[in-house]
Amino acid sequence: MTGFSFLPDATAHVCHASAPSLAYLRRPDFLPATRGHGSRDVLLYDPAQQRRSAEAKKFRAALAKGANVVTIGGLHGRVVDVNEDTVTVEVDKGVRLRFDRSAIAREVVSKNATPAA
């Protein structure tokens, strides 16, 4: 036996023989998976995603009373109060829920509203 081991020579071969092999790390088909991290940067810096994020931030900053909104959880309601970090949404008569501004997904244009001419 070569090298240093705490195990006696009689048991060393048993332990080494039952250890899992790491031969798959030397296989050619495994190497591309370890080299593919360069494409990750392309996905992290997507200009379209940055634009959507900026638009959502601008929308949430411009929230005003009376707007019909949908939360990220799908709850529909009308904005009745806007604070620095929170928005109070009335989901039914007398039922008001307070949300973080980041929980407001989009504004809904009422189907009953007449379009501006």
Protein backbone atom coordinates (compact mmCIF):
# COMPACT_ATOMS: atom_id res chain seq x y z
CA MET A 1 0.00 0.00 0.00
CA THR A 2 1.30 3.45 -0.83
CA GLY A 3 0.63 6.66 1.01
CA PHE A 4 -0.39 7.31 4.57
CA SER A 5 -3.49 5.69 6.09
CA PHE A 6 -4.90 5.40 9.57
CA LEU A 7 -6.29 1.98 8.67
CA PRO A 8 -4.18 -1.15 8.96
CA ASP A 9 -3.01 -2.59 5.65
CA ALA A 10 -5.42 -5.52 5.95
CA THR A 11 -8.54 -3.32 5.93
CA ALA A 12 -7.33 -0.49 3.70
CA HIS A 13 -8.03 -2.37 0.45
CA VAL A 14 -11.61 -3.10 1.55
CA CYS A 15 -12.43 0.54 2.26
CA HIS A 16 -10.81 1.82 -0.93
CA ALA A 17 -12.50 -0.83 -3.03
CA SER A 18 -15.97 0.12 -1.76
CA ALA A 19 -15.48 3.89 -2.18
CA PRO A 20 -17.49 5.42 -5.04
CA SER A 21 -15.57 6.05 -8.21
CA LEU A 22 -15.15 9.60 -9.49
CA ALA A 23 -14.22 8.38 -12.97
CA TYR A 24 -17.29 10.15 -14.46
CA LEU A 25 -15.54 13.47 -13.81
CA ARG A 26 -12.95 12.54 -16.45
CA ARG A 27 -15.53 11.56 -19.07
CA PRO A 28 -15.68 13.90 -22.09
CA ASP A 29 -19.49 14.24 -21.97
CA PHE A 30 -19.29 15.58 -18.40
CA LEU A 31 -16.89 18.41 -19.27
CA PRO A 32 -19.29 20.58 -21.32
CA ALA A 33 -21.65 20.75 -18.34
CA THR A 34 -18.89 22.22 -16.22
CA ARG A 35 -17.84 24.71 -18.90
CA GLY A 36 -21.34 26.02 -19.68
CA HIS A 37 -21.38 28.69 -16.99
CA GLY A 38 -20.43 31.43 -19.46
CA SER A 39 -23.94 31.42 -20.96
CA ARG A 40 -25.37 32.11 -17.51
CA ASP A 41 -24.23 35.74 -17.78
CA VAL A 42 -26.31 36.25 -20.92
CA LEU A 43 -29.43 35.15 -19.09
CA LEU A 44 -28.76 37.32 -16.04
CA TYR A 45 -28.42 40.55 -18.01
CA ASP A 46 -31.42 40.35 -20.31
CA PRO A 47 -32.24 43.91 -21.51
CA ALA A 48 -35.93 43.09 -22.03
CA GLN A 49 -36.24 41.89 -18.42
CA GLN A 50 -34.50 45.03 -17.18
CA ARG A 51 -36.94 47.16 -19.20
CA ARG A 52 -39.98 45.31 -17.78
CA SER A 53 -38.57 45.67 -14.27
CA ALA A 54 -38.06 49.40 -14.75
CA GLU A 55 -41.61 49.79 -16.12
CA ALA A 56 -43.07 47.88 -13.16
CA LYS A 57 -41.13 50.06 -10.72
CA LYS A 58 -42.38 53.20 -12.46
CA PHE A 59 -45.98 51.86 -12.40
CA ARG A 60 -45.84 51.10 -8.67
CA ALA A 61 -44.41 54.53 -7.92
CA ALA A 62 -47.30 56.18 -9.81
CA LEU A 63 -50.12 54.28 -8.08
CA ALA A 64 -52.99 56.58 -7.14
CA LYS A 65 -56.33 56.36 -5.36
CA GLY A 66 -59.17 55.03 -7.46
CA ALA A 67 -57.07 52.77 -9.67
CA ASN A 68 -58.41 49.27 -10.28
CA VAL A 69 -55.52 46.87 -9.71
CA VAL A 70 -54.64 43.18 -9.58
CA THR A 71 -52.16 41.87 -7.02
CA ILE A 72 -49.49 39.27 -7.79
CA GLY A 73 -51.77 36.76 -6.09
CA GLY A 74 -54.64 37.56 -8.48
CA LEU A 75 -56.78 39.62 -6.08
CA HIS A 76 -58.77 42.37 -7.80
CA GLY A 77 -59.69 45.63 -6.08
CA ARG A 78 -59.67 49.42 -6.05
CA VAL A 79 -56.89 51.47 -4.46
CA VAL A 80 -58.28 53.55 -1.57
CA ASP A 81 -55.07 54.65 0.13
CA VAL A 82 -51.43 54.94 -0.89
CA ASN A 83 -48.55 55.28 1.55
CA GLU A 84 -44.80 55.29 1.01
CA ASP A 85 -44.42 51.47 1.18
CA THR A 86 -48.00 50.16 1.23
CA VAL A 87 -51.21 50.31 -0.77
CA THR A 88 -54.68 49.74 0.71
CA VAL A 89 -57.01 47.96 -1.71
CA GLU A 90 -60.77 47.64 -1.27
CA VAL A 91 -61.76 44.21 -2.57
CA ASP A 92 -65.43 44.43 -1.56
CA LYS A 93 -67.65 46.97 0.19
CA GLY A 94 -66.04 47.52 3.60
CA VAL A 95 -63.27 44.97 3.01
CA ARG A 96 -59.90 46.67 2.80
CA LEU A 97 -56.57 44.90 2.60
CA ARG A 98 -53.14 46.46 2.92
CA PHE A 99 -50.43 45.30 0.49
CA ASP A 100 -46.81 46.07 -0.08
CA ARG A 101 -46.39 48.19 -3.23
CA SER A 102 -44.38 45.34 -4.77
CA ALA A 103 -47.46 43.08 -4.49
CA ILE A 104 -49.41 45.13 -7.05
CA ALA A 105 -48.94 43.46 -10.43
CA ARG A 106 -50.93 45.60 -12.86
CA GLU A 107 -53.74 48.06 -13.36
CA VAL A 108 -57.01 46.90 -14.88
CA VAL A 109 -58.95 49.09 -17.25
CA SER A 110 -62.63 48.75 -16.44
CA LYS A 111 -64.76 47.34 -19.27
CA ASN A 112 -67.51 49.81 -18.34
CA ALA A 113 -65.29 52.85 -18.74
CA THR A 114 -65.62 54.84 -21.94
CA PRO A 115 -62.36 55.40 -23.79
CA ALA A 116 -61.05 58.94 -23.91
CA ALA A 117 -61.64 60.60 -27.25
